N, C-alpha and C. Protein backbone atom coordinates (compact mmCIF):
# COMPACT_ATOMS: atom_id res chain seq x y z
N MET A 1 14.61 250.54 204.53
CA MET A 1 15.46 249.40 204.75
C MET A 1 14.65 248.13 204.51
N LEU A 2 15.13 247.29 203.62
CA LEU A 2 14.47 246.03 203.35
C LEU A 2 15.06 244.98 204.28
N VAL A 3 14.19 244.27 204.95
CA VAL A 3 14.63 243.25 205.89
C VAL A 3 14.75 241.92 205.15
N PRO A 4 15.85 241.19 205.35
CA PRO A 4 15.96 239.88 204.70
C PRO A 4 14.79 238.99 205.13
N TYR A 5 14.30 238.19 204.23
CA TYR A 5 13.19 237.32 204.56
C TYR A 5 13.55 235.87 204.31
N GLN A 6 12.88 235.01 204.99
CA GLN A 6 13.15 233.58 204.88
C GLN A 6 12.12 232.95 203.95
N LEU A 7 12.57 232.03 203.14
CA LEU A 7 11.67 231.29 202.27
C LEU A 7 11.50 229.89 202.84
N ARG A 8 10.31 229.36 202.72
CA ARG A 8 10.13 227.98 203.15
C ARG A 8 9.48 227.20 202.02
N ARG A 9 9.82 225.96 201.89
CA ARG A 9 9.33 225.11 200.81
C ARG A 9 8.04 224.44 201.27
N ASN A 10 6.96 224.56 200.48
CA ASN A 10 5.70 223.91 200.83
C ASN A 10 5.78 222.41 200.58
N THR A 11 6.04 222.03 199.36
CA THR A 11 6.18 220.62 199.02
C THR A 11 7.24 220.52 197.94
N VAL A 12 7.64 219.34 197.61
CA VAL A 12 8.66 219.13 196.59
C VAL A 12 8.15 219.65 195.25
N ASN A 13 9.03 220.33 194.51
CA ASN A 13 8.75 220.87 193.18
C ASN A 13 7.61 221.88 193.15
N LYS A 14 7.32 222.51 194.26
CA LYS A 14 6.35 223.60 194.29
C LYS A 14 7.14 224.88 194.54
N PRO A 15 6.61 226.03 194.13
CA PRO A 15 7.34 227.28 194.37
C PRO A 15 7.45 227.59 195.86
N TYR A 16 8.47 228.35 196.19
CA TYR A 16 8.61 228.82 197.55
C TYR A 16 7.51 229.83 197.84
N ARG A 17 7.05 229.87 199.07
CA ARG A 17 6.08 230.88 199.49
C ARG A 17 6.70 231.65 200.66
N LEU A 18 6.48 232.94 200.65
CA LEU A 18 7.00 233.76 201.73
C LEU A 18 6.20 233.51 202.99
N ASN A 19 6.87 233.44 204.11
CA ASN A 19 6.20 233.37 205.39
C ASN A 19 5.32 234.62 205.49
N LYS A 20 4.05 234.47 205.88
CA LYS A 20 3.08 235.57 205.86
C LYS A 20 3.57 236.79 206.64
N ASP A 21 4.05 236.58 207.87
CA ASP A 21 4.50 237.71 208.67
C ASP A 21 5.68 238.42 208.02
N ILE A 22 6.63 237.65 207.53
CA ILE A 22 7.81 238.22 206.89
C ILE A 22 7.41 238.95 205.62
N SER A 23 6.48 238.36 204.83
CA SER A 23 6.08 239.02 203.59
C SER A 23 5.38 240.34 203.88
N GLN A 24 4.59 240.42 204.96
CA GLN A 24 3.94 241.68 205.30
C GLN A 24 4.99 242.73 205.66
N LEU A 25 6.01 242.32 206.39
CA LEU A 25 7.09 243.24 206.74
C LEU A 25 7.82 243.68 205.47
N PHE A 26 8.10 242.73 204.59
CA PHE A 26 8.76 243.03 203.32
C PHE A 26 7.92 243.99 202.49
N LEU A 27 6.62 243.71 202.38
CA LEU A 27 5.74 244.56 201.58
C LEU A 27 5.61 245.94 202.18
N SER A 28 5.59 246.06 203.50
CA SER A 28 5.47 247.37 204.11
C SER A 28 6.70 248.22 203.83
N ASN A 29 7.84 247.58 203.65
CA ASN A 29 9.07 248.30 203.35
C ASN A 29 9.14 248.75 201.89
N LEU A 30 8.22 248.25 201.04
CA LEU A 30 8.20 248.69 199.65
C LEU A 30 7.69 250.11 199.51
N ASN A 31 7.00 250.63 200.51
CA ASN A 31 6.50 251.99 200.47
C ASN A 31 7.63 252.95 200.80
N LEU A 32 8.48 253.20 199.82
CA LEU A 32 9.66 254.03 200.03
C LEU A 32 9.34 255.51 199.95
N THR A 33 8.20 255.89 199.36
CA THR A 33 7.87 257.30 199.21
C THR A 33 7.38 257.90 200.52
N ASN A 34 6.84 257.11 201.42
CA ASN A 34 6.32 257.63 202.68
C ASN A 34 7.01 256.89 203.82
N LYS A 35 8.23 257.32 204.13
CA LYS A 35 9.03 256.61 205.13
C LYS A 35 8.45 256.73 206.53
N MET A 36 7.66 257.76 206.77
CA MET A 36 7.08 257.96 208.09
C MET A 36 5.62 257.52 208.09
N ALA A 37 5.29 256.52 207.31
CA ALA A 37 3.91 256.08 207.19
C ALA A 37 3.38 255.58 208.52
N ASP A 38 2.10 255.76 208.72
CA ASP A 38 1.42 255.29 209.91
C ASP A 38 1.53 253.77 209.96
N THR A 39 1.92 253.21 211.11
CA THR A 39 2.11 251.77 211.21
C THR A 39 0.81 251.01 211.15
N THR A 40 -0.32 251.69 211.28
CA THR A 40 -1.61 251.00 211.19
C THR A 40 -2.07 250.85 209.74
N GLN A 41 -1.39 251.50 208.82
CA GLN A 41 -1.74 251.39 207.40
C GLN A 41 -1.51 249.98 206.90
N GLN A 42 -2.33 249.57 205.95
CA GLN A 42 -2.09 248.30 205.28
C GLN A 42 -0.88 248.48 204.35
N PRO A 43 -0.04 247.50 204.22
CA PRO A 43 1.12 247.65 203.34
C PRO A 43 0.68 247.79 201.88
N ILE A 44 1.44 248.54 201.14
CA ILE A 44 1.18 248.70 199.71
C ILE A 44 1.80 247.51 199.00
N ILE A 45 1.00 246.78 198.26
CA ILE A 45 1.49 245.60 197.56
C ILE A 45 1.85 246.03 196.14
N ALA A 46 3.10 245.79 195.78
CA ALA A 46 3.57 246.16 194.45
C ALA A 46 2.78 245.40 193.39
N LYS A 47 2.47 246.09 192.31
CA LYS A 47 1.72 245.48 191.22
C LYS A 47 2.50 244.28 190.67
N GLY A 48 1.83 243.15 190.55
CA GLY A 48 2.47 241.96 190.02
C GLY A 48 3.15 241.10 191.08
N PHE A 49 3.25 241.57 192.33
CA PHE A 49 3.91 240.81 193.38
C PHE A 49 3.00 239.68 193.83
N THR A 50 3.49 238.46 193.84
CA THR A 50 2.68 237.31 194.24
C THR A 50 3.18 236.66 195.51
N GLY A 51 4.37 237.02 195.96
CA GLY A 51 4.94 236.37 197.13
C GLY A 51 5.50 235.00 196.83
N VAL A 52 5.65 234.69 195.54
CA VAL A 52 6.14 233.38 195.12
C VAL A 52 7.47 233.55 194.41
N ALA A 53 8.42 232.68 194.70
CA ALA A 53 9.71 232.69 194.02
C ALA A 53 9.93 231.33 193.36
N TYR A 54 10.62 231.32 192.25
CA TYR A 54 10.92 230.09 191.52
C TYR A 54 12.44 229.92 191.42
N PRO A 55 13.08 229.40 192.46
CA PRO A 55 14.55 229.31 192.44
C PRO A 55 15.11 228.27 191.49
N ASP A 56 14.29 227.33 191.03
CA ASP A 56 14.79 226.26 190.16
C ASP A 56 14.66 226.57 188.69
N VAL A 57 14.34 227.80 188.31
CA VAL A 57 14.11 228.11 186.91
C VAL A 57 15.39 227.96 186.09
N PHE A 58 16.51 228.45 186.58
CA PHE A 58 17.75 228.37 185.81
C PHE A 58 18.84 227.64 186.59
N ASN A 59 18.61 226.39 186.79
CA ASN A 59 19.67 225.53 187.29
C ASN A 59 19.44 224.13 186.73
N VAL A 60 20.37 223.26 186.96
CA VAL A 60 20.33 221.93 186.34
C VAL A 60 19.07 221.16 186.73
N ASN A 61 18.52 221.41 187.93
CA ASN A 61 17.31 220.71 188.36
C ASN A 61 16.11 221.05 187.47
N ALA A 62 16.12 222.23 186.85
CA ALA A 62 15.00 222.65 186.02
C ALA A 62 15.18 222.27 184.56
N MET A 63 16.31 221.70 184.21
CA MET A 63 16.59 221.36 182.82
C MET A 63 15.66 220.24 182.35
N PRO A 64 14.94 220.46 181.26
CA PRO A 64 14.05 219.41 180.76
C PRO A 64 14.85 218.24 180.19
N ALA A 65 14.21 217.09 180.14
CA ALA A 65 14.85 215.91 179.55
C ALA A 65 15.08 216.16 178.07
N GLN A 66 16.22 215.72 177.59
CA GLN A 66 16.58 215.96 176.19
C GLN A 66 16.19 214.76 175.33
N PRO A 67 15.81 215.02 174.08
CA PRO A 67 15.45 213.91 173.19
C PRO A 67 16.67 213.05 172.87
N LEU A 68 16.42 211.81 172.57
CA LEU A 68 17.53 210.90 172.25
C LEU A 68 18.12 211.21 170.88
N GLU A 69 17.28 211.70 169.97
CA GLU A 69 17.74 212.02 168.62
C GLU A 69 17.62 213.52 168.40
N LEU A 70 18.73 214.19 168.10
CA LEU A 70 18.72 215.63 167.88
C LEU A 70 18.15 215.98 166.52
N LYS A 71 17.37 217.05 166.48
CA LYS A 71 16.84 217.57 165.22
C LYS A 71 17.88 218.53 164.64
N PRO A 72 17.80 218.82 163.34
CA PRO A 72 18.76 219.76 162.75
C PRO A 72 18.70 221.12 163.46
N GLY A 73 19.86 221.63 163.84
CA GLY A 73 19.93 222.93 164.49
C GLY A 73 19.73 222.89 165.99
N GLN A 74 19.38 221.76 166.54
CA GLN A 74 19.15 221.64 167.98
C GLN A 74 20.48 221.63 168.72
N LEU A 75 20.53 222.33 169.84
CA LEU A 75 21.76 222.39 170.64
C LEU A 75 22.04 221.04 171.29
N PRO A 76 23.31 220.66 171.37
CA PRO A 76 23.65 219.41 172.04
C PRO A 76 23.47 219.52 173.56
N GLN A 77 23.41 218.40 174.20
CA GLN A 77 23.16 218.30 175.64
C GLN A 77 24.11 219.17 176.46
N HIS A 78 25.41 219.16 176.15
CA HIS A 78 26.38 219.90 176.98
C HIS A 78 26.14 221.41 176.92
N LEU A 79 25.66 221.94 175.79
CA LEU A 79 25.38 223.38 175.70
C LEU A 79 24.11 223.74 176.45
N ILE A 80 23.12 222.89 176.40
CA ILE A 80 21.89 223.14 177.16
C ILE A 80 22.19 223.09 178.65
N GLN A 81 23.00 222.13 179.05
CA GLN A 81 23.39 222.04 180.46
C GLN A 81 24.18 223.28 180.88
N GLN A 82 25.07 223.77 180.01
CA GLN A 82 25.82 224.99 180.32
C GLN A 82 24.88 226.17 180.51
N PHE A 83 23.82 226.25 179.69
CA PHE A 83 22.85 227.34 179.84
C PHE A 83 22.20 227.29 181.22
N PHE A 84 21.79 226.12 181.65
CA PHE A 84 21.12 226.01 182.94
C PHE A 84 22.08 226.16 184.11
N GLU A 85 23.35 225.91 183.92
CA GLU A 85 24.33 226.09 184.98
C GLU A 85 24.83 227.53 185.05
N ASP A 86 25.15 228.12 183.88
CA ASP A 86 25.77 229.44 183.83
C ASP A 86 24.80 230.57 183.52
N GLY A 87 23.64 230.23 182.96
CA GLY A 87 22.66 231.26 182.62
C GLY A 87 22.83 231.82 181.22
N TYR A 88 23.79 231.33 180.47
CA TYR A 88 24.01 231.77 179.09
C TYR A 88 24.75 230.67 178.34
N VAL A 89 24.73 230.78 177.04
CA VAL A 89 25.50 229.87 176.20
C VAL A 89 25.91 230.65 174.95
N ILE A 90 27.13 230.42 174.50
CA ILE A 90 27.62 231.06 173.28
C ILE A 90 27.63 230.01 172.18
N VAL A 91 26.93 230.30 171.10
CA VAL A 91 26.88 229.38 169.97
C VAL A 91 27.70 230.01 168.85
N GLU A 92 28.87 229.45 168.62
CA GLU A 92 29.76 229.97 167.58
C GLU A 92 29.14 229.76 166.20
N ASN A 93 29.31 230.75 165.34
CA ASN A 93 28.86 230.67 163.94
C ASN A 93 27.37 230.35 163.80
N PHE A 94 26.55 230.88 164.70
CA PHE A 94 25.11 230.66 164.62
C PHE A 94 24.55 231.27 163.34
N PHE A 95 25.01 232.49 163.03
CA PHE A 95 24.67 233.15 161.77
C PHE A 95 25.89 233.14 160.88
N THR A 96 25.68 233.08 159.57
CA THR A 96 26.80 233.15 158.64
C THR A 96 27.25 234.60 158.50
N ARG A 97 28.46 234.79 158.04
CA ARG A 97 29.00 236.13 157.82
C ARG A 97 28.10 236.90 156.84
N GLU A 98 27.61 236.23 155.79
CA GLU A 98 26.75 236.88 154.79
C GLU A 98 25.44 237.36 155.41
N GLU A 99 24.85 236.54 156.28
CA GLU A 99 23.60 236.93 156.94
C GLU A 99 23.82 238.17 157.80
N LEU A 100 24.89 238.18 158.55
CA LEU A 100 25.18 239.32 159.42
C LEU A 100 25.53 240.57 158.62
N ASP A 101 26.27 240.39 157.52
CA ASP A 101 26.62 241.55 156.69
C ASP A 101 25.38 242.19 156.08
N THR A 102 24.42 241.39 155.67
CA THR A 102 23.17 241.92 155.11
C THR A 102 22.43 242.73 156.16
N CYS A 103 22.36 242.21 157.36
CA CYS A 103 21.69 242.91 158.46
C CYS A 103 22.45 244.19 158.82
N ARG A 104 23.77 244.09 158.90
CA ARG A 104 24.61 245.25 159.23
C ARG A 104 24.43 246.36 158.20
N LYS A 105 24.37 245.98 156.92
CA LYS A 105 24.18 246.96 155.85
C LYS A 105 22.83 247.67 156.00
N ALA A 106 21.79 246.92 156.30
CA ALA A 106 20.45 247.51 156.47
C ALA A 106 20.42 248.49 157.65
N VAL A 107 21.08 248.14 158.75
CA VAL A 107 21.11 249.04 159.91
C VAL A 107 21.94 250.29 159.58
N ASN A 108 23.04 250.13 158.86
CA ASN A 108 23.84 251.29 158.45
C ASN A 108 23.04 252.22 157.55
N GLU A 109 22.18 251.66 156.69
CA GLU A 109 21.31 252.49 155.84
C GLU A 109 20.33 253.28 156.71
N GLN A 110 19.84 252.67 157.78
CA GLN A 110 18.95 253.39 158.69
C GLN A 110 19.68 254.54 159.38
N VAL A 111 20.93 254.30 159.78
CA VAL A 111 21.73 255.35 160.42
C VAL A 111 21.96 256.48 159.43
N GLU A 112 22.23 256.14 158.17
CA GLU A 112 22.43 257.17 157.14
C GLU A 112 21.17 258.01 156.96
N LYS A 113 20.01 257.36 156.89
CA LYS A 113 18.75 258.09 156.75
C LYS A 113 18.51 259.02 157.93
N LEU A 114 18.81 258.52 159.14
CA LEU A 114 18.65 259.34 160.34
C LEU A 114 19.59 260.54 160.29
N ALA A 115 20.85 260.31 159.92
CA ALA A 115 21.82 261.40 159.85
C ALA A 115 21.36 262.46 158.84
N GLN A 116 20.91 262.01 157.68
CA GLN A 116 20.43 262.94 156.65
C GLN A 116 19.24 263.75 157.17
N LYS A 117 18.31 263.08 157.83
CA LYS A 117 17.12 263.74 158.36
C LYS A 117 17.49 264.80 159.40
N LEU A 118 18.39 264.44 160.32
CA LEU A 118 18.80 265.40 161.36
C LEU A 118 19.62 266.55 160.76
N TYR A 119 20.44 266.25 159.78
CA TYR A 119 21.26 267.27 159.14
C TYR A 119 20.39 268.27 158.38
N GLN A 120 19.43 267.77 157.62
CA GLN A 120 18.54 268.64 156.85
C GLN A 120 17.65 269.49 157.76
N ALA A 121 17.35 268.98 158.95
CA ALA A 121 16.54 269.74 159.91
C ALA A 121 17.39 270.71 160.73
N GLY A 122 18.72 270.70 160.49
CA GLY A 122 19.61 271.60 161.21
C GLY A 122 19.88 271.17 162.64
N LYS A 123 19.64 269.93 162.95
CA LYS A 123 19.83 269.43 164.32
C LYS A 123 21.27 268.99 164.58
N ILE A 124 22.00 268.62 163.52
CA ILE A 124 23.41 268.25 163.65
C ILE A 124 24.23 269.05 162.64
N LYS A 125 25.54 269.21 162.91
CA LYS A 125 26.41 270.02 162.05
C LYS A 125 27.16 269.21 161.02
N ASN A 126 27.22 267.89 161.22
CA ASN A 126 28.03 267.03 160.37
C ASN A 126 27.31 265.69 160.20
N LEU A 127 27.49 265.05 159.05
CA LEU A 127 26.88 263.74 158.81
C LEU A 127 27.71 262.61 159.41
N TYR A 128 28.98 262.86 159.70
CA TYR A 128 29.90 261.89 160.29
C TYR A 128 30.00 260.62 159.44
N SER A 129 29.94 260.77 158.13
CA SER A 129 30.01 259.63 157.22
C SER A 129 31.35 258.91 157.26
N GLU A 130 32.38 259.59 157.72
CA GLU A 130 33.72 258.99 157.75
C GLU A 130 33.90 258.00 158.90
N PHE A 131 32.93 257.93 159.81
CA PHE A 131 33.02 257.04 160.97
C PHE A 131 32.29 255.73 160.72
N GLY A 132 32.70 254.69 161.45
CA GLY A 132 32.01 253.41 161.42
C GLY A 132 30.71 253.50 162.21
N PHE A 133 29.96 252.41 162.22
CA PHE A 133 28.63 252.40 162.82
C PHE A 133 28.60 252.93 164.26
N SER A 134 29.36 252.31 165.15
CA SER A 134 29.30 252.69 166.57
C SER A 134 29.77 254.12 166.80
N ASP A 135 30.91 254.48 166.18
CA ASP A 135 31.43 255.84 166.35
C ASP A 135 30.49 256.87 165.74
N ARG A 136 29.91 256.53 164.60
CA ARG A 136 29.00 257.47 163.95
C ARG A 136 27.76 257.69 164.81
N LEU A 137 27.20 256.63 165.33
CA LEU A 137 26.02 256.77 166.18
C LEU A 137 26.36 257.55 167.45
N THR A 138 27.56 257.34 167.99
CA THR A 138 28.01 258.09 169.17
C THR A 138 28.12 259.58 168.84
N LYS A 139 28.70 259.90 167.69
CA LYS A 139 28.83 261.32 167.28
C LYS A 139 27.45 261.95 167.07
N LEU A 140 26.54 261.21 166.43
CA LEU A 140 25.18 261.73 166.23
C LEU A 140 24.51 262.00 167.57
N GLU A 141 24.72 261.09 168.51
CA GLU A 141 24.13 261.25 169.84
C GLU A 141 24.73 262.45 170.57
N GLU A 142 26.03 262.69 170.40
CA GLU A 142 26.66 263.86 171.03
C GLU A 142 26.08 265.15 170.48
N ASP A 143 25.87 265.20 169.15
CA ASP A 143 25.31 266.40 168.52
C ASP A 143 23.83 266.58 168.83
N PHE A 144 23.11 265.48 168.85
CA PHE A 144 21.68 265.54 169.06
C PHE A 144 21.27 264.44 170.04
N PRO A 145 21.28 264.74 171.35
CA PRO A 145 20.91 263.73 172.35
C PRO A 145 19.53 263.14 172.05
N GLY A 146 19.46 261.84 172.05
CA GLY A 146 18.21 261.16 171.74
C GLY A 146 18.21 260.57 170.34
N ALA A 147 19.29 260.78 169.57
CA ALA A 147 19.36 260.26 168.20
C ALA A 147 19.26 258.74 168.18
N ASN A 148 19.90 258.09 169.14
CA ASN A 148 19.84 256.62 169.17
C ASN A 148 18.43 256.12 169.47
N ILE A 149 17.67 256.86 170.25
CA ILE A 149 16.28 256.49 170.53
C ILE A 149 15.44 256.65 169.28
N ILE A 150 15.67 257.75 168.56
CA ILE A 150 14.94 257.97 167.30
C ILE A 150 15.25 256.84 166.33
N LEU A 151 16.51 256.43 166.28
CA LEU A 151 16.89 255.34 165.39
C LEU A 151 16.14 254.05 165.74
N HIS A 152 16.10 253.72 167.02
CA HIS A 152 15.48 252.46 167.43
C HIS A 152 13.96 252.50 167.38
N LYS A 153 13.38 253.66 167.62
CA LYS A 153 11.92 253.74 167.61
C LYS A 153 11.37 254.15 166.25
N GLY A 154 12.20 254.74 165.43
CA GLY A 154 11.74 255.26 164.14
C GLY A 154 11.18 254.20 163.22
N ASP A 155 12.04 253.62 162.41
CA ASP A 155 11.60 252.64 161.43
C ASP A 155 11.56 251.22 161.99
N GLY A 156 12.05 251.03 163.18
CA GLY A 156 12.11 249.69 163.75
C GLY A 156 13.27 248.91 163.16
N LEU A 157 13.32 247.66 163.50
CA LEU A 157 14.37 246.79 163.00
C LEU A 157 14.13 246.51 161.52
N PRO A 158 15.16 246.61 160.68
CA PRO A 158 14.98 246.35 159.25
C PRO A 158 14.41 244.95 159.00
N GLU A 159 13.64 244.83 157.94
CA GLU A 159 12.99 243.56 157.58
C GLU A 159 13.97 242.40 157.49
N VAL A 160 15.13 242.67 156.90
CA VAL A 160 16.12 241.60 156.73
C VAL A 160 16.58 241.07 158.10
N CYS A 161 16.68 241.95 159.10
CA CYS A 161 17.08 241.53 160.43
C CYS A 161 15.94 240.77 161.11
N LEU A 162 14.73 241.24 160.93
CA LEU A 162 13.57 240.52 161.48
C LEU A 162 13.48 239.12 160.90
N TYR A 163 13.70 239.01 159.61
CA TYR A 163 13.66 237.70 158.97
C TYR A 163 14.75 236.79 159.54
N LEU A 164 15.94 237.34 159.69
CA LEU A 164 17.06 236.57 160.22
C LEU A 164 16.76 236.05 161.63
N LEU A 165 16.15 236.89 162.45
CA LEU A 165 15.84 236.50 163.82
C LEU A 165 14.68 235.53 163.90
N SER A 166 13.87 235.45 162.84
CA SER A 166 12.70 234.56 162.88
C SER A 166 13.03 233.15 162.43
N LEU A 167 14.23 232.93 161.90
CA LEU A 167 14.59 231.59 161.41
C LEU A 167 14.70 230.58 162.51
């Protein structure tokens, strides 16, 4: 059982720090594998745990000042503010249809190569060429569990997609 803990602010614009006693109680509850642990044991501190929280990371208070003159491709103030308020922003037509089609074609070629490889190895009974991308990958996964992992770990993201994401 994790006990709720209280955060207290040290100074303005500094991260919250856990109250020492509360953090020790919190940390001792992280040892879920040994529920009957000896109470004299030191608590196990999770790797990477610092006892510090940053509540202002994604809210309007953390939003950096915006330049007076926008550069080409820079998001306008209202979209940046929406990101800090809602945690996401949707940018319509960020990529052109042609850019996405090129990337989609490259990924479909990877799926075709994977299907051929699994079919030739006798791991699947059908190439499922008559299906679209999502349905085809689902069928391949049903025939050979782990096919989607092989696809993602195999050749990696196609070069054309990497280029598109690097712009």
